[in-house]
Amino acid sequence: MKKLLTILFFTVTMFAHGQQDKNIVKEVESKITEMKYVANSVKELENIDWKKIKAVFDANKLEEKIALIFELELQQSKNNLKSSITISGETKNIDSLIIKAKKGVTSIIKISKKYKNK
């Protein structure tokens, strides 16, 4: 009888514990910390939509560290030219990061046009 009561007690305890509300909702926070743009031609770099790049980081917190990476791989060029630039900083400085990225991309375009003609 003692064993039967013990088994019954444990069974009731398990069922009662199993009925408790365990649906805990956790907020999931997403962030984008890096954006990489790989181009295979100079025209692709010339046609970057900078407004869309800024919009990519809209959901980030202002103090979040981010990186903008731009690469050019001219496999059809004589020297198989590969060039890249990385700009990083905080999301709150996205406008200045984009200005720096534009200057860097312009430099990559100038350099690649010199090598493309040779």
N, C-alpha and C. Protein backbone atom coordinates (compact mmCIF):
# COMPACT_ATOMS: atom_id res chain seq x y z
N MET A 1 0.81 -1.18 0.00
CA MET A 1 0.00 0.00 0.00
C MET A 1 0.87 1.26 0.00
N LYS A 2 1.99 1.18 0.73
CA LYS A 2 2.90 2.30 0.80
C LYS A 2 3.50 2.59 -0.58
N LYS A 3 3.86 1.55 -1.30
CA LYS A 3 4.42 1.70 -2.64
C LYS A 3 3.39 2.31 -3.60
N LEU A 4 2.15 1.85 -3.48
CA LEU A 4 1.08 2.35 -4.33
C LEU A 4 0.85 3.85 -4.09
N LEU A 5 0.86 4.27 -2.85
CA LEU A 5 0.68 5.69 -2.53
C LEU A 5 1.87 6.52 -3.02
N THR A 6 3.07 5.98 -2.91
CA THR A 6 4.26 6.68 -3.38
C THR A 6 4.22 6.86 -4.89
N ILE A 7 3.87 5.79 -5.61
CA ILE A 7 3.77 5.86 -7.07
C ILE A 7 2.67 6.83 -7.47
N LEU A 8 1.54 6.79 -6.80
CA LEU A 8 0.44 7.71 -7.08
C LEU A 8 0.85 9.16 -6.82
N PHE A 9 1.58 9.38 -5.74
CA PHE A 9 2.05 10.73 -5.41
C PHE A 9 2.97 11.26 -6.51
N PHE A 10 3.95 10.44 -6.93
CA PHE A 10 4.88 10.87 -7.97
C PHE A 10 4.18 11.09 -9.30
N THR A 11 3.21 10.25 -9.62
CA THR A 11 2.46 10.41 -10.87
C THR A 11 1.66 11.71 -10.88
N VAL A 12 0.98 12.00 -9.78
CA VAL A 12 0.20 13.23 -9.69
C VAL A 12 1.13 14.45 -9.75
N THR A 13 2.27 14.35 -9.09
CA THR A 13 3.23 15.45 -9.09
C THR A 13 3.77 15.71 -10.49
N MET A 14 4.06 14.64 -11.23
CA MET A 14 4.56 14.79 -12.60
C MET A 14 3.50 15.43 -13.49
N PHE A 15 2.27 14.97 -13.41
CA PHE A 15 1.20 15.54 -14.23
C PHE A 15 0.94 17.00 -13.87
N ALA A 16 0.97 17.31 -12.58
CA ALA A 16 0.75 18.70 -12.15
C ALA A 16 1.88 19.60 -12.63
N HIS A 17 3.08 19.11 -12.54
CA HIS A 17 4.24 19.88 -13.00
C HIS A 17 4.21 20.04 -14.52
N GLY A 18 3.76 19.04 -15.22
CA GLY A 18 3.67 19.09 -16.67
C GLY A 18 2.59 20.04 -17.17
N GLN A 19 1.60 20.34 -16.33
CA GLN A 19 0.51 21.22 -16.73
C GLN A 19 0.84 22.70 -16.50
N GLN A 20 1.92 23.00 -15.85
CA GLN A 20 2.27 24.39 -15.59
C GLN A 20 2.60 25.09 -16.90
N ASP A 21 2.28 26.38 -16.98
CA ASP A 21 2.51 27.17 -18.18
C ASP A 21 4.00 27.47 -18.31
N LYS A 22 4.61 26.88 -19.28
CA LYS A 22 6.04 27.09 -19.52
C LYS A 22 6.28 27.82 -20.83
N ASN A 23 5.27 28.46 -21.34
CA ASN A 23 5.41 29.22 -22.58
C ASN A 23 5.99 30.60 -22.27
N ILE A 24 7.26 30.63 -22.09
CA ILE A 24 7.95 31.88 -21.81
C ILE A 24 8.38 32.48 -23.14
N VAL A 25 7.92 33.68 -23.38
CA VAL A 25 8.23 34.36 -24.64
C VAL A 25 9.49 35.19 -24.43
N LYS A 26 10.46 34.94 -25.25
CA LYS A 26 11.70 35.70 -25.19
C LYS A 26 11.78 36.57 -26.43
N GLU A 27 12.16 37.80 -26.21
CA GLU A 27 12.34 38.70 -27.35
C GLU A 27 13.67 38.39 -28.02
N VAL A 28 13.61 38.28 -29.31
CA VAL A 28 14.82 38.02 -30.08
C VAL A 28 15.22 39.32 -30.75
N GLU A 29 16.44 39.71 -30.52
CA GLU A 29 16.94 40.96 -31.08
C GLU A 29 17.91 40.62 -32.20
N SER A 30 17.67 41.18 -33.35
CA SER A 30 18.59 40.94 -34.46
C SER A 30 19.38 42.20 -34.73
N LYS A 31 20.58 42.00 -35.19
CA LYS A 31 21.43 43.13 -35.54
C LYS A 31 22.31 42.74 -36.71
N ILE A 32 22.63 43.71 -37.50
CA ILE A 32 23.52 43.49 -38.62
C ILE A 32 24.82 44.21 -38.29
N THR A 33 25.90 43.48 -38.26
CA THR A 33 27.17 44.08 -37.86
C THR A 33 28.14 44.23 -39.03
N GLU A 34 27.82 43.61 -40.15
CA GLU A 34 28.74 43.67 -41.29
C GLU A 34 27.96 43.57 -42.59
N MET A 35 28.37 44.38 -43.55
CA MET A 35 27.78 44.31 -44.88
C MET A 35 28.94 44.22 -45.87
N LYS A 36 28.93 43.17 -46.68
CA LYS A 36 30.01 42.94 -47.64
C LYS A 36 29.44 43.01 -49.05
N TYR A 37 30.07 43.81 -49.88
CA TYR A 37 29.63 44.00 -51.26
C TYR A 37 30.78 43.57 -52.16
N VAL A 38 30.59 42.48 -52.90
CA VAL A 38 31.62 41.95 -53.79
C VAL A 38 31.18 42.20 -55.23
N ALA A 39 32.03 42.87 -56.00
CA ALA A 39 31.71 43.21 -57.39
C ALA A 39 32.69 42.52 -58.33
N ASN A 40 32.20 42.19 -59.52
CA ASN A 40 33.04 41.57 -60.54
C ASN A 40 33.36 42.52 -61.68
N SER A 41 32.85 43.74 -61.61
CA SER A 41 33.14 44.74 -62.63
C SER A 41 33.13 46.13 -62.00
N VAL A 42 33.77 47.05 -62.68
CA VAL A 42 33.83 48.43 -62.20
C VAL A 42 32.43 49.05 -62.23
N LYS A 43 31.62 48.69 -63.20
CA LYS A 43 30.27 49.25 -63.31
C LYS A 43 29.42 48.90 -62.09
N GLU A 44 29.61 47.71 -61.54
CA GLU A 44 28.87 47.34 -60.33
C GLU A 44 29.22 48.27 -59.18
N LEU A 45 30.49 48.62 -59.05
CA LEU A 45 30.89 49.53 -57.99
C LEU A 45 30.37 50.94 -58.23
N GLU A 46 30.32 51.33 -59.49
CA GLU A 46 29.83 52.68 -59.82
C GLU A 46 28.33 52.82 -59.57
N ASN A 47 27.60 51.72 -59.57
CA ASN A 47 26.15 51.76 -59.42
C ASN A 47 25.65 51.34 -58.04
N ILE A 48 26.45 51.53 -57.02
CA ILE A 48 26.03 51.18 -55.66
C ILE A 48 24.95 52.15 -55.20
N ASP A 49 23.89 51.62 -54.62
CA ASP A 49 22.81 52.44 -54.07
C ASP A 49 23.12 52.68 -52.58
N TRP A 50 23.68 53.82 -52.27
CA TRP A 50 24.14 54.13 -50.93
C TRP A 50 22.99 54.29 -49.94
N LYS A 51 21.83 54.68 -50.41
CA LYS A 51 20.66 54.82 -49.52
C LYS A 51 20.23 53.46 -48.99
N LYS A 52 20.31 52.45 -49.83
CA LYS A 52 19.96 51.10 -49.39
C LYS A 52 20.96 50.57 -48.37
N ILE A 53 22.21 50.93 -48.55
CA ILE A 53 23.24 50.49 -47.59
C ILE A 53 22.95 51.10 -46.22
N LYS A 54 22.57 52.37 -46.21
CA LYS A 54 22.22 53.02 -44.95
C LYS A 54 21.00 52.35 -44.32
N ALA A 55 20.03 51.97 -45.13
CA ALA A 55 18.80 51.36 -44.63
C ALA A 55 19.06 49.98 -44.02
N VAL A 56 20.11 49.30 -44.43
CA VAL A 56 20.43 47.98 -43.90
C VAL A 56 20.65 48.04 -42.38
N PHE A 57 21.21 49.14 -41.91
CA PHE A 57 21.59 49.25 -40.50
C PHE A 57 20.56 50.01 -39.66
N ASP A 58 19.37 50.27 -40.20
CA ASP A 58 18.34 51.02 -39.48
C ASP A 58 17.89 50.36 -38.18
N ALA A 59 17.87 49.05 -38.12
CA ALA A 59 17.37 48.34 -36.94
C ALA A 59 18.41 48.25 -35.82
N ASN A 60 19.65 48.59 -36.10
CA ASN A 60 20.71 48.49 -35.09
C ASN A 60 20.59 49.57 -34.03
N LYS A 61 21.14 49.28 -32.87
CA LYS A 61 21.28 50.29 -31.83
C LYS A 61 22.37 51.26 -32.26
N LEU A 62 22.31 52.48 -31.76
CA LEU A 62 23.24 53.52 -32.18
C LEU A 62 24.70 53.21 -31.82
N GLU A 63 24.93 52.52 -30.72
CA GLU A 63 26.31 52.24 -30.31
C GLU A 63 26.84 50.92 -30.85
N GLU A 64 26.09 50.26 -31.70
CA GLU A 64 26.48 48.97 -32.29
C GLU A 64 27.65 49.17 -33.27
N LYS A 65 28.67 48.32 -33.15
CA LYS A 65 29.82 48.36 -34.07
C LYS A 65 29.42 47.71 -35.39
N ILE A 66 29.73 48.39 -36.50
CA ILE A 66 29.41 47.86 -37.83
C ILE A 66 30.62 47.98 -38.73
N ALA A 67 30.59 47.23 -39.84
CA ALA A 67 31.67 47.28 -40.82
C ALA A 67 31.08 47.24 -42.22
N LEU A 68 31.62 48.08 -43.09
CA LEU A 68 31.25 48.09 -44.50
C LEU A 68 32.46 47.59 -45.28
N ILE A 69 32.27 46.54 -46.07
CA ILE A 69 33.37 45.94 -46.83
C ILE A 69 33.00 45.95 -48.30
N PHE A 70 33.90 46.49 -49.11
CA PHE A 70 33.68 46.53 -50.56
C PHE A 70 34.87 45.86 -51.23
N GLU A 71 34.56 44.90 -52.11
CA GLU A 71 35.61 44.16 -52.81
C GLU A 71 35.37 44.21 -54.30
N LEU A 72 36.47 44.22 -55.03
CA LEU A 72 36.42 44.15 -56.49
C LEU A 72 37.33 43.02 -56.92
N GLU A 73 36.78 42.09 -57.68
CA GLU A 73 37.56 40.95 -58.19
C GLU A 73 37.44 40.94 -59.71
N LEU A 74 38.47 41.43 -60.37
CA LEU A 74 38.49 41.44 -61.84
C LEU A 74 39.26 40.21 -62.32
N GLN A 75 38.57 39.11 -62.44
CA GLN A 75 39.22 37.86 -62.82
C GLN A 75 39.62 37.85 -64.29
N GLN A 76 38.93 38.65 -65.12
CA GLN A 76 39.25 38.67 -66.53
C GLN A 76 40.40 39.64 -66.84
N SER A 77 40.89 40.38 -65.85
CA SER A 77 41.99 41.31 -66.09
C SER A 77 43.31 40.52 -66.22
N LYS A 78 44.31 41.19 -66.76
CA LYS A 78 45.59 40.55 -67.02
C LYS A 78 46.25 40.02 -65.74
N ASN A 79 46.16 40.80 -64.66
CA ASN A 79 46.82 40.43 -63.41
C ASN A 79 45.87 39.84 -62.38
N ASN A 80 44.64 39.52 -62.77
CA ASN A 80 43.64 38.98 -61.85
C ASN A 80 43.51 39.89 -60.62
N LEU A 81 43.20 41.14 -60.87
CA LEU A 81 43.16 42.19 -59.86
C LEU A 81 42.10 41.92 -58.80
N LYS A 82 42.51 42.03 -57.54
CA LYS A 82 41.59 41.95 -56.40
C LYS A 82 41.91 43.12 -55.49
N SER A 83 40.87 43.83 -55.10
CA SER A 83 41.05 44.99 -54.24
C SER A 83 39.88 45.07 -53.27
N SER A 84 40.15 45.56 -52.05
CA SER A 84 39.06 45.68 -51.08
C SER A 84 39.33 46.84 -50.13
N ILE A 85 38.26 47.28 -49.49
CA ILE A 85 38.34 48.33 -48.49
C ILE A 85 37.34 47.99 -47.39
N THR A 86 37.75 48.23 -46.14
CA THR A 86 36.87 48.00 -44.99
C THR A 86 36.79 49.28 -44.17
N ILE A 87 35.57 49.71 -43.93
CA ILE A 87 35.30 50.89 -43.10
C ILE A 87 34.49 50.41 -41.91
N SER A 88 34.90 50.77 -40.70
CA SER A 88 34.14 50.33 -39.54
C SER A 88 33.96 51.47 -38.54
N GLY A 89 32.94 51.33 -37.74
CA GLY A 89 32.62 52.34 -36.73
C GLY A 89 31.29 51.99 -36.08
N GLU A 90 30.68 52.98 -35.44
CA GLU A 90 29.40 52.77 -34.77
C GLU A 90 28.25 53.16 -35.69
N THR A 91 27.10 52.57 -35.44
CA THR A 91 25.92 52.83 -36.27
C THR A 91 25.53 54.30 -36.25
N LYS A 92 25.73 54.98 -35.14
CA LYS A 92 25.35 56.39 -35.07
C LYS A 92 26.16 57.25 -36.04
N ASN A 93 27.30 56.76 -36.50
CA ASN A 93 28.15 57.49 -37.45
C ASN A 93 28.01 56.96 -38.88
N ILE A 94 26.86 56.39 -39.20
CA ILE A 94 26.68 55.75 -40.51
C ILE A 94 26.89 56.72 -41.67
N ASP A 95 26.48 57.98 -41.50
CA ASP A 95 26.64 58.94 -42.59
C ASP A 95 28.12 59.19 -42.89
N SER A 96 28.93 59.37 -41.87
CA SER A 96 30.36 59.59 -42.11
C SER A 96 31.04 58.32 -42.62
N LEU A 97 30.57 57.15 -42.17
CA LEU A 97 31.13 55.89 -42.67
C LEU A 97 30.84 55.73 -44.16
N ILE A 98 29.65 56.13 -44.57
CA ILE A 98 29.29 56.02 -45.99
C ILE A 98 30.12 56.99 -46.82
N ILE A 99 30.38 58.18 -46.30
CA ILE A 99 31.23 59.15 -47.03
C ILE A 99 32.63 58.57 -47.21
N LYS A 100 33.18 57.97 -46.15
CA LYS A 100 34.50 57.35 -46.25
C LYS A 100 34.48 56.18 -47.23
N ALA A 101 33.41 55.40 -47.20
CA ALA A 101 33.29 54.26 -48.11
C ALA A 101 33.22 54.73 -49.56
N LYS A 102 32.49 55.81 -49.81
CA LYS A 102 32.41 56.35 -51.18
C LYS A 102 33.79 56.75 -51.69
N LYS A 103 34.58 57.39 -50.83
CA LYS A 103 35.93 57.79 -51.22
C LYS A 103 36.80 56.56 -51.49
N GLY A 104 36.67 55.55 -50.65
CA GLY A 104 37.44 54.33 -50.85
C GLY A 104 37.05 53.59 -52.11
N VAL A 105 35.75 53.52 -52.38
CA VAL A 105 35.28 52.85 -53.59
C VAL A 105 35.73 53.61 -54.82
N THR A 106 35.71 54.94 -54.75
CA THR A 106 36.19 55.76 -55.87
C THR A 106 37.67 55.46 -56.14
N SER A 107 38.45 55.30 -55.09
CA SER A 107 39.87 54.96 -55.25
C SER A 107 40.05 53.60 -55.89
N ILE A 108 39.25 52.64 -55.45
CA ILE A 108 39.33 51.30 -56.05
C ILE A 108 38.99 51.37 -57.54
N ILE A 109 37.99 52.16 -57.89
CA ILE A 109 37.59 52.29 -59.29
C ILE A 109 38.73 52.89 -60.11
N LYS A 110 39.36 53.94 -59.59
CA LYS A 110 40.48 54.58 -60.32
C LYS A 110 41.63 53.61 -60.52
N ILE A 111 41.98 52.90 -59.48
CA ILE A 111 43.10 51.94 -59.58
C ILE A 111 42.76 50.83 -60.55
N SER A 112 41.55 50.32 -60.49
CA SER A 112 41.19 49.19 -61.35
C SER A 112 41.11 49.61 -62.82
N LYS A 113 40.73 50.83 -63.09
CA LYS A 113 40.69 51.29 -64.48
C LYS A 113 42.09 51.38 -65.07
N LYS A 114 43.09 51.71 -64.26
CA LYS A 114 44.47 51.75 -64.74
C LYS A 114 44.95 50.35 -65.11
N TYR A 115 44.64 49.38 -64.27
CA TYR A 115 45.09 48.02 -64.53
C TYR A 115 44.27 47.34 -65.62
N LYS A 116 43.05 47.75 -65.79
CA LYS A 116 42.19 47.15 -66.80
C LYS A 116 42.70 47.46 -68.20
N ASN A 117 43.26 48.65 -68.38
CA ASN A 117 43.73 49.06 -69.68
C ASN A 117 45.07 48.45 -70.05
N LYS A 118 45.81 47.91 -69.11
CA LYS A 118 47.12 47.34 -69.40
C LYS A 118 47.04 45.89 -69.78
